[in-house]
């Protein structure tokens, strides 16, 4: 499988996500930048999950149908061509980090997938459903990890 690279001007890999992007702050999605998708990519899928959530991996952001020729997304924006899905808070689009008070730092995995065909998902997909749906469609993927601890 080909590798993509995924970065953010807002935070480095495995570094703290600024409060501005959290549910305690302005709850605005961070800007992301990625390398070109491989030939044959039908769409990009962007996922942000918190595997440290008390009840299992929590969905913070899911966007499908992203134009494969884009190179990123601006802060607070929807990626070009993308369709936002409901997050774990029940709202479409970005839902910033908001771990339980006193729960310590959580890791937030931003995952970008280059898919050979458009993905099919249930109406309210879980993180596990997304991982299962992209498994056989992946041409390339990238991961960026940020951390956040509630103040």
N, C-alpha and C. Protein backbone atom coordinates (compact mmCIF):
# COMPACT_ATOMS: atom_id res chain seq x y z
N UNK A 1 0.85 -1.18 0.00
CA UNK A 1 0.00 0.00 0.00
C UNK A 1 0.89 1.24 0.00
N UNK A 2 0.53 2.21 -0.79
CA UNK A 2 1.25 3.48 -0.88
C UNK A 2 1.00 4.29 0.39
N UNK A 3 1.98 5.09 0.77
CA UNK A 3 1.83 5.93 1.96
C UNK A 3 1.48 7.36 1.55
N UNK A 4 0.64 7.97 2.33
CA UNK A 4 0.36 9.39 2.25
C UNK A 4 1.05 10.04 3.44
N UNK A 5 1.19 11.34 3.42
CA UNK A 5 1.66 12.07 4.58
C UNK A 5 0.58 13.05 4.98
N UNK A 6 0.35 13.15 6.28
CA UNK A 6 -0.68 14.02 6.84
C UNK A 6 -0.05 14.85 7.94
N UNK A 7 -0.17 16.17 7.84
CA UNK A 7 0.36 17.08 8.85
C UNK A 7 -0.65 18.17 9.15
N UNK A 8 -0.36 18.95 10.20
CA UNK A 8 -1.19 20.09 10.53
C UNK A 8 -0.30 21.26 10.92
N UNK A 9 -0.61 22.46 10.44
CA UNK A 9 0.14 23.62 10.91
C UNK A 9 -0.21 24.00 12.35
N UNK A 10 -1.27 23.39 12.90
CA UNK A 10 -1.72 23.72 14.25
C UNK A 10 -0.98 22.93 15.34
N UNK A 11 -0.48 21.73 15.01
CA UNK A 11 0.21 20.90 16.00
C UNK A 11 1.06 19.86 15.29
N UNK A 12 2.13 19.45 15.95
CA UNK A 12 3.02 18.42 15.41
C UNK A 12 2.50 17.04 15.77
N UNK A 13 2.98 16.03 15.08
CA UNK A 13 2.59 14.65 15.37
C UNK A 13 2.93 14.31 16.82
N UNK A 14 1.97 13.77 17.53
CA UNK A 14 2.07 13.37 18.94
C UNK A 14 2.22 14.56 19.89
N UNK A 15 1.87 15.76 19.44
CA UNK A 15 1.91 16.96 20.28
C UNK A 15 0.49 17.36 20.67
N UNK A 16 0.39 18.30 21.58
CA UNK A 16 -0.92 18.73 22.08
C UNK A 16 -1.69 19.55 21.03
N UNK A 17 -2.95 19.23 20.90
CA UNK A 17 -3.86 19.98 20.03
C UNK A 17 -4.22 21.28 20.75
N UNK A 18 -4.10 22.43 20.11
CA UNK A 18 -4.43 23.69 20.76
C UNK A 18 -5.89 23.72 21.24
N UNK A 19 -6.10 24.36 22.38
CA UNK A 19 -7.43 24.48 23.00
C UNK A 19 -8.46 25.02 22.02
N UNK A 20 -8.04 25.90 21.12
CA UNK A 20 -8.95 26.50 20.12
C UNK A 20 -9.74 25.43 19.37
N UNK A 21 -9.14 24.28 19.16
CA UNK A 21 -9.77 23.21 18.39
C UNK A 21 -10.59 22.25 19.24
N UNK A 22 -10.63 22.50 20.53
CA UNK A 22 -11.33 21.61 21.46
C UNK A 22 -12.76 22.07 21.73
N UNK A 23 -13.51 21.20 22.37
CA UNK A 23 -14.85 21.55 22.81
C UNK A 23 -14.85 22.60 23.91
N UNK A 24 -13.71 22.77 24.58
CA UNK A 24 -13.58 23.81 25.61
C UNK A 24 -13.25 25.16 24.99
N UNK A 25 -12.72 25.13 23.76
CA UNK A 25 -12.33 26.37 23.08
C UNK A 25 -13.37 26.76 22.04
N UNK A 26 -12.89 27.09 20.85
CA UNK A 26 -13.78 27.53 19.77
C UNK A 26 -14.39 26.37 19.00
N UNK A 27 -13.94 25.16 19.28
CA UNK A 27 -14.45 23.94 18.64
C UNK A 27 -14.40 24.05 17.11
N UNK A 28 -13.25 24.52 16.63
CA UNK A 28 -13.05 24.67 15.18
C UNK A 28 -12.03 23.60 14.74
N UNK A 29 -12.31 22.96 13.63
CA UNK A 29 -11.42 21.90 13.14
C UNK A 29 -10.06 22.48 12.77
N UNK A 30 -8.99 21.71 13.01
CA UNK A 30 -7.66 22.20 12.64
C UNK A 30 -7.43 22.11 11.13
N UNK A 31 -6.56 22.98 10.63
CA UNK A 31 -6.14 22.87 9.23
C UNK A 31 -5.30 21.62 9.08
N UNK A 32 -5.44 20.94 7.96
CA UNK A 32 -4.66 19.74 7.67
C UNK A 32 -4.07 19.86 6.27
N UNK A 33 -2.90 19.26 6.08
CA UNK A 33 -2.22 19.25 4.79
C UNK A 33 -1.83 17.81 4.50
N UNK A 34 -2.03 17.38 3.24
CA UNK A 34 -1.62 16.02 2.88
C UNK A 34 -0.96 15.99 1.52
N UNK A 35 -0.20 14.91 1.30
CA UNK A 35 0.48 14.71 0.03
C UNK A 35 -0.51 14.16 -0.99
N UNK A 36 -0.09 14.16 -2.25
CA UNK A 36 -0.96 13.72 -3.35
C UNK A 36 -1.39 12.27 -3.19
N UNK A 37 -2.65 12.03 -3.51
CA UNK A 37 -3.21 10.68 -3.48
C UNK A 37 -2.68 9.90 -4.68
N UNK A 38 -2.56 8.58 -4.54
CA UNK A 38 -2.06 7.78 -5.66
C UNK A 38 -3.05 7.73 -6.82
N UNK A 39 -2.53 7.40 -7.98
CA UNK A 39 -3.36 7.24 -9.16
C UNK A 39 -4.42 6.18 -8.88
N UNK A 40 -5.62 6.40 -9.39
CA UNK A 40 -6.71 5.46 -9.18
C UNK A 40 -7.56 5.76 -7.96
N UNK A 41 -7.24 6.83 -7.23
CA UNK A 41 -8.03 7.20 -6.05
C UNK A 41 -9.37 7.78 -6.49
N UNK A 42 -10.45 7.19 -6.01
CA UNK A 42 -11.80 7.68 -6.32
C UNK A 42 -12.23 8.77 -5.35
N UNK A 43 -11.83 8.63 -4.09
CA UNK A 43 -12.17 9.63 -3.07
C UNK A 43 -11.23 9.50 -1.90
N UNK A 44 -11.17 10.57 -1.11
CA UNK A 44 -10.45 10.54 0.16
C UNK A 44 -11.47 10.51 1.28
N UNK A 45 -11.11 9.87 2.36
CA UNK A 45 -11.95 9.81 3.56
C UNK A 45 -11.09 10.29 4.72
N UNK A 46 -11.64 11.19 5.53
CA UNK A 46 -10.96 11.73 6.69
C UNK A 46 -11.72 11.33 7.94
N UNK A 47 -10.98 10.82 8.91
CA UNK A 47 -11.56 10.34 10.17
C UNK A 47 -10.72 10.86 11.32
N UNK A 48 -11.36 11.30 12.39
CA UNK A 48 -10.65 11.60 13.63
C UNK A 48 -11.35 10.83 14.74
N UNK A 49 -10.56 10.04 15.48
CA UNK A 49 -11.11 9.21 16.54
C UNK A 49 -10.28 9.32 17.81
N UNK A 50 -10.93 9.10 18.93
CA UNK A 50 -10.29 9.07 20.24
C UNK A 50 -10.41 7.65 20.79
N UNK A 51 -9.33 6.84 20.67
CA UNK A 51 -9.41 5.47 21.17
C UNK A 51 -9.34 5.37 22.69
N UNK A 52 -9.05 6.49 23.36
CA UNK A 52 -8.93 6.50 24.82
C UNK A 52 -10.23 6.85 25.53
N UNK A 53 -11.30 7.05 24.78
CA UNK A 53 -12.59 7.39 25.37
C UNK A 53 -13.07 6.25 26.28
N UNK A 54 -13.77 6.58 27.36
CA UNK A 54 -14.18 5.56 28.34
C UNK A 54 -15.04 4.43 27.77
N UNK A 55 -15.85 4.71 26.77
CA UNK A 55 -16.75 3.68 26.22
C UNK A 55 -16.30 3.15 24.86
N UNK A 56 -15.01 3.22 24.60
CA UNK A 56 -14.50 2.77 23.30
C UNK A 56 -14.23 3.94 22.38
N UNK A 57 -13.66 3.66 21.25
CA UNK A 57 -13.22 4.69 20.32
C UNK A 57 -14.38 5.64 19.96
N UNK A 58 -14.13 6.93 20.14
CA UNK A 58 -15.15 7.97 19.95
C UNK A 58 -14.87 8.70 18.63
N UNK A 59 -15.91 8.89 17.84
CA UNK A 59 -15.82 9.54 16.54
C UNK A 59 -15.93 11.06 16.69
N UNK A 60 -14.85 11.77 16.30
CA UNK A 60 -14.84 13.23 16.38
C UNK A 60 -15.06 13.91 15.03
N UNK A 61 -14.73 13.20 13.94
CA UNK A 61 -14.87 13.82 12.63
C UNK A 61 -14.86 12.73 11.58
N UNK A 62 -15.79 12.79 10.66
CA UNK A 62 -15.82 11.87 9.54
C UNK A 62 -16.32 12.62 8.32
N UNK A 63 -15.48 12.62 7.28
CA UNK A 63 -15.82 13.27 6.02
C UNK A 63 -15.47 12.29 4.90
N UNK A 64 -16.45 12.01 4.03
CA UNK A 64 -16.22 11.14 2.88
C UNK A 64 -16.37 11.96 1.59
N UNK A 65 -16.01 11.35 0.48
CA UNK A 65 -16.21 12.00 -0.82
C UNK A 65 -15.28 13.16 -1.10
N UNK A 66 -14.18 13.26 -0.37
CA UNK A 66 -13.24 14.37 -0.57
C UNK A 66 -12.55 14.20 -1.93
N UNK A 67 -12.48 15.29 -2.66
CA UNK A 67 -11.83 15.31 -3.97
C UNK A 67 -10.39 14.81 -3.81
N UNK A 68 -10.00 13.76 -4.54
CA UNK A 68 -8.67 13.19 -4.37
C UNK A 68 -7.53 14.10 -4.80
N UNK A 69 -7.83 15.17 -5.50
CA UNK A 69 -6.77 16.06 -5.97
C UNK A 69 -6.54 17.24 -5.04
N UNK A 70 -7.25 17.27 -3.92
CA UNK A 70 -7.01 18.32 -2.94
C UNK A 70 -5.75 18.00 -2.16
N UNK A 71 -5.18 19.01 -1.54
CA UNK A 71 -3.96 18.82 -0.77
C UNK A 71 -4.13 19.17 0.69
N UNK A 72 -5.38 19.35 1.11
CA UNK A 72 -5.62 19.68 2.51
C UNK A 72 -6.94 20.39 2.71
N UNK A 73 -7.09 20.89 3.91
CA UNK A 73 -8.31 21.61 4.29
C UNK A 73 -7.93 22.75 5.25
N UNK A 74 -8.55 23.89 5.06
CA UNK A 74 -8.31 25.05 5.93
C UNK A 74 -8.98 24.84 7.29
N UNK A 75 -8.50 25.57 8.27
CA UNK A 75 -9.10 25.53 9.61
C UNK A 75 -10.59 25.86 9.52
N UNK A 76 -11.40 25.07 10.19
CA UNK A 76 -12.83 25.33 10.27
C UNK A 76 -13.61 25.07 8.99
N UNK A 77 -12.97 24.48 7.99
CA UNK A 77 -13.62 24.28 6.70
C UNK A 77 -13.93 22.81 6.46
N UNK A 78 -14.77 22.59 5.47
CA UNK A 78 -15.08 21.24 5.00
C UNK A 78 -14.17 20.96 3.81
N UNK A 79 -13.49 19.81 3.78
CA UNK A 79 -12.65 19.49 2.64
C UNK A 79 -13.45 19.53 1.33
N UNK A 80 -12.81 20.00 0.26
CA UNK A 80 -13.48 20.15 -1.04
C UNK A 80 -14.16 18.85 -1.48
N UNK A 81 -15.45 18.95 -1.79
CA UNK A 81 -16.22 17.80 -2.25
C UNK A 81 -16.71 16.90 -1.14
N UNK A 82 -16.29 17.17 0.09
CA UNK A 82 -16.58 16.28 1.21
C UNK A 82 -18.00 16.33 1.74
N UNK A 83 -18.41 15.18 2.26
CA UNK A 83 -19.71 15.05 2.93
C UNK A 83 -19.45 14.80 4.42
N UNK A 84 -19.89 15.72 5.29
CA UNK A 84 -19.71 15.50 6.72
C UNK A 84 -20.74 14.51 7.26
N UNK A 85 -20.31 13.67 8.19
CA UNK A 85 -21.17 12.68 8.82
C UNK A 85 -21.36 13.05 10.29
N UNK A 86 -22.38 12.52 10.95
CA UNK A 86 -22.55 12.80 12.38
C UNK A 86 -21.37 12.27 13.19
N UNK A 87 -20.90 13.09 14.12
CA UNK A 87 -19.83 12.66 15.02
C UNK A 87 -20.46 12.01 16.26
N UNK A 88 -19.63 11.65 17.21
CA UNK A 88 -20.12 11.00 18.42
C UNK A 88 -20.99 11.90 19.29
N UNK A 89 -20.96 13.20 19.04
CA UNK A 89 -21.82 14.14 19.77
C UNK A 89 -23.19 14.27 19.10
N UNK A 90 -23.34 13.60 17.93
CA UNK A 90 -24.62 13.63 17.21
C UNK A 90 -24.76 14.76 16.22
N UNK A 91 -23.71 15.53 16.00
CA UNK A 91 -23.76 16.66 15.07
C UNK A 91 -22.88 16.37 13.87
N UNK A 92 -23.29 16.82 12.67
CA UNK A 92 -22.43 16.61 11.50
C UNK A 92 -21.19 17.49 11.57
N UNK A 93 -20.07 16.94 11.11
CA UNK A 93 -18.83 17.71 11.07
C UNK A 93 -17.96 17.49 12.29
N UNK A 94 -17.09 18.45 12.52
CA UNK A 94 -16.09 18.39 13.58
C UNK A 94 -16.73 18.53 14.96
N UNK A 95 -16.26 17.70 15.86
CA UNK A 95 -16.59 17.80 17.28
C UNK A 95 -15.28 17.68 18.04
N UNK A 96 -14.78 18.79 18.55
CA UNK A 96 -13.44 18.84 19.13
C UNK A 96 -13.26 18.01 20.38
N UNK A 97 -11.98 17.79 20.74
CA UNK A 97 -11.65 17.02 21.94
C UNK A 97 -12.34 17.57 23.19
N UNK A 98 -12.87 16.65 23.99
CA UNK A 98 -13.56 17.02 25.22
C UNK A 98 -13.56 15.81 26.15
N UNK A 99 -12.35 15.30 26.50
CA UNK A 99 -12.31 14.13 27.36
C UNK A 99 -12.88 14.45 28.74
N UNK A 100 -13.31 13.42 29.48
CA UNK A 100 -13.85 13.68 30.82
C UNK A 100 -12.81 14.37 31.70
N UNK A 101 -13.26 15.31 32.56
CA UNK A 101 -12.32 15.97 33.48
C UNK A 101 -11.60 14.93 34.34
N UNK A 102 -10.30 15.15 34.54
CA UNK A 102 -9.52 14.26 35.37
C UNK A 102 -9.17 12.93 34.72
N UNK A 103 -9.48 12.76 33.44
CA UNK A 103 -9.25 11.50 32.74
C UNK A 103 -7.85 11.41 32.15
N UNK A 104 -7.08 12.47 32.26
CA UNK A 104 -5.73 12.47 31.70
C UNK A 104 -5.75 12.76 30.21
N UNK A 105 -4.57 12.75 29.61
CA UNK A 105 -4.48 13.05 28.19
C UNK A 105 -5.07 11.94 27.32
N UNK A 106 -5.76 12.33 26.28
CA UNK A 106 -6.30 11.40 25.29
C UNK A 106 -5.55 11.61 23.98
N UNK A 107 -5.50 10.56 23.17
CA UNK A 107 -4.88 10.63 21.85
C UNK A 107 -5.98 10.75 20.80
N UNK A 108 -5.75 11.60 19.82
CA UNK A 108 -6.71 11.83 18.74
C UNK A 108 -6.02 11.47 17.43
N UNK A 109 -6.52 10.41 16.80
CA UNK A 109 -5.94 9.90 15.57
C UNK A 109 -6.69 10.49 14.38
N UNK A 110 -6.00 11.33 13.62
CA UNK A 110 -6.53 11.85 12.37
C UNK A 110 -6.05 10.88 11.30
N UNK A 111 -6.98 10.25 10.60
CA UNK A 111 -6.64 9.25 9.58
C UNK A 111 -7.19 9.71 8.23
N UNK A 112 -6.33 9.65 7.23
CA UNK A 112 -6.73 9.98 5.87
C UNK A 112 -6.55 8.73 5.02
N UNK A 113 -7.58 8.36 4.29
CA UNK A 113 -7.55 7.17 3.44
C UNK A 113 -7.80 7.58 1.99
N UNK A 114 -6.98 7.07 1.08
CA UNK A 114 -7.22 7.18 -0.35
C UNK A 114 -7.91 5.89 -0.75
N UNK A 115 -9.12 5.99 -1.30
CA UNK A 115 -9.95 4.82 -1.57
C UNK A 115 -10.12 4.60 -3.08
N UNK A 116 -10.14 3.33 -3.45
CA UNK A 116 -10.28 2.96 -4.87
C UNK A 116 -11.69 3.15 -5.39
N UNK A 117 -12.67 3.12 -4.50
CA UNK A 117 -14.09 3.29 -4.84
C UNK A 117 -14.76 4.09 -3.73
N UNK A 118 -15.87 4.75 -4.02
CA UNK A 118 -16.60 5.44 -2.96
C UNK A 118 -17.02 4.45 -1.87
N UNK A 119 -16.86 4.89 -0.65
CA UNK A 119 -17.17 4.03 0.50
C UNK A 119 -18.68 4.04 0.78
N UNK A 120 -19.18 2.92 1.25
CA UNK A 120 -20.58 2.82 1.67
C UNK A 120 -20.60 2.64 3.17
N UNK A 121 -21.38 3.49 3.84
CA UNK A 121 -21.45 3.47 5.30
C UNK A 121 -22.89 3.47 5.77
N UNK A 122 -23.13 2.95 6.97
CA UNK A 122 -24.48 3.05 7.53
C UNK A 122 -24.81 4.52 7.83
N UNK A 123 -26.07 4.79 8.08
CA UNK A 123 -26.53 6.16 8.31
C UNK A 123 -25.78 6.86 9.45
N UNK A 124 -25.50 6.15 10.53
CA UNK A 124 -24.75 6.70 11.68
C UNK A 124 -23.57 5.76 11.97
N UNK A 125 -22.51 5.87 11.18
CA UNK A 125 -21.41 4.93 11.32
C UNK A 125 -20.62 5.09 12.62
N UNK A 126 -20.14 3.98 13.13
CA UNK A 126 -19.22 3.98 14.26
C UNK A 126 -17.80 3.96 13.71
N UNK A 127 -16.84 4.18 14.58
CA UNK A 127 -15.44 4.10 14.18
C UNK A 127 -15.14 2.71 13.61
N UNK A 128 -15.61 1.67 14.28
CA UNK A 128 -15.37 0.31 13.81
C UNK A 128 -15.99 0.07 12.43
N UNK A 129 -17.17 0.62 12.20
CA UNK A 129 -17.83 0.46 10.89
C UNK A 129 -17.01 1.13 9.79
N UNK A 130 -16.43 2.29 10.10
CA UNK A 130 -15.61 2.98 9.11
C UNK A 130 -14.36 2.16 8.80
N UNK A 131 -13.68 1.68 9.84
CA UNK A 131 -12.49 0.87 9.62
C UNK A 131 -12.82 -0.36 8.77
N UNK A 132 -13.92 -1.00 9.05
CA UNK A 132 -14.33 -2.18 8.27
C UNK A 132 -14.65 -1.84 6.84
N UNK A 133 -15.30 -0.70 6.62
CA UNK A 133 -15.72 -0.30 5.27
C UNK A 133 -14.54 0.08 4.38
N UNK A 134 -13.48 0.64 4.96
CA UNK A 134 -12.34 1.08 4.14
C UNK A 134 -11.28 -0.02 3.97
N UNK A 135 -11.37 -1.06 4.75
CA UNK A 135 -10.33 -2.10 4.76
C UNK A 135 -9.93 -2.57 3.36
N UNK A 136 -10.88 -2.93 2.53
CA UNK A 136 -10.58 -3.48 1.20
C UNK A 136 -10.53 -2.42 0.10
N UNK A 137 -10.75 -1.15 0.45
CA UNK A 137 -10.74 -0.08 -0.55
C UNK A 137 -9.49 0.79 -0.50
N UNK A 138 -8.65 0.60 0.52
CA UNK A 138 -7.49 1.47 0.74
C UNK A 138 -6.42 1.32 -0.34
N UNK A 139 -6.05 2.45 -0.92
CA UNK A 139 -4.89 2.49 -1.80
C UNK A 139 -3.70 3.07 -1.04
N UNK A 140 -3.99 3.94 -0.09
CA UNK A 140 -2.97 4.59 0.73
C UNK A 140 -3.64 5.15 1.98
N UNK A 141 -2.82 5.39 3.00
CA UNK A 141 -3.36 6.00 4.22
C UNK A 141 -2.27 6.76 4.94
N UNK A 142 -2.69 7.66 5.82
CA UNK A 142 -1.78 8.44 6.64
C UNK A 142 -2.44 8.69 7.99
N UNK A 143 -1.62 8.84 9.01
CA UNK A 143 -2.13 9.09 10.35
C UNK A 143 -1.34 10.21 11.00
N UNK A 144 -2.05 11.10 11.66
CA UNK A 144 -1.48 12.17 12.46
C UNK A 144 -2.12 12.06 13.83
N UNK A 145 -1.31 12.06 14.89
CA UNK A 145 -1.84 11.91 16.24
C UNK A 145 -1.61 13.20 17.02
N UNK A 146 -2.69 13.70 17.64
CA UNK A 146 -2.60 14.82 18.54
C UNK A 146 -3.09 14.38 19.91
N UNK A 147 -2.72 15.13 20.93
CA UNK A 147 -3.18 14.80 22.29
C UNK A 147 -3.96 15.98 22.84
N UNK A 148 -4.80 15.68 23.82
CA UNK A 148 -5.53 16.75 24.50
C UNK A 148 -5.93 16.25 25.88
N UNK A 149 -5.76 17.13 26.86
CA UNK A 149 -6.20 16.85 28.23
C UNK A 149 -7.07 18.00 28.67
N UNK A 150 -8.22 17.66 29.17
CA UNK A 150 -9.17 18.70 29.59
C UNK A 150 -8.66 19.44 30.82
N UNK A 151 -8.80 20.73 30.79
CA UNK A 151 -8.33 21.53 31.92
C UNK A 151 -9.35 21.61 33.03
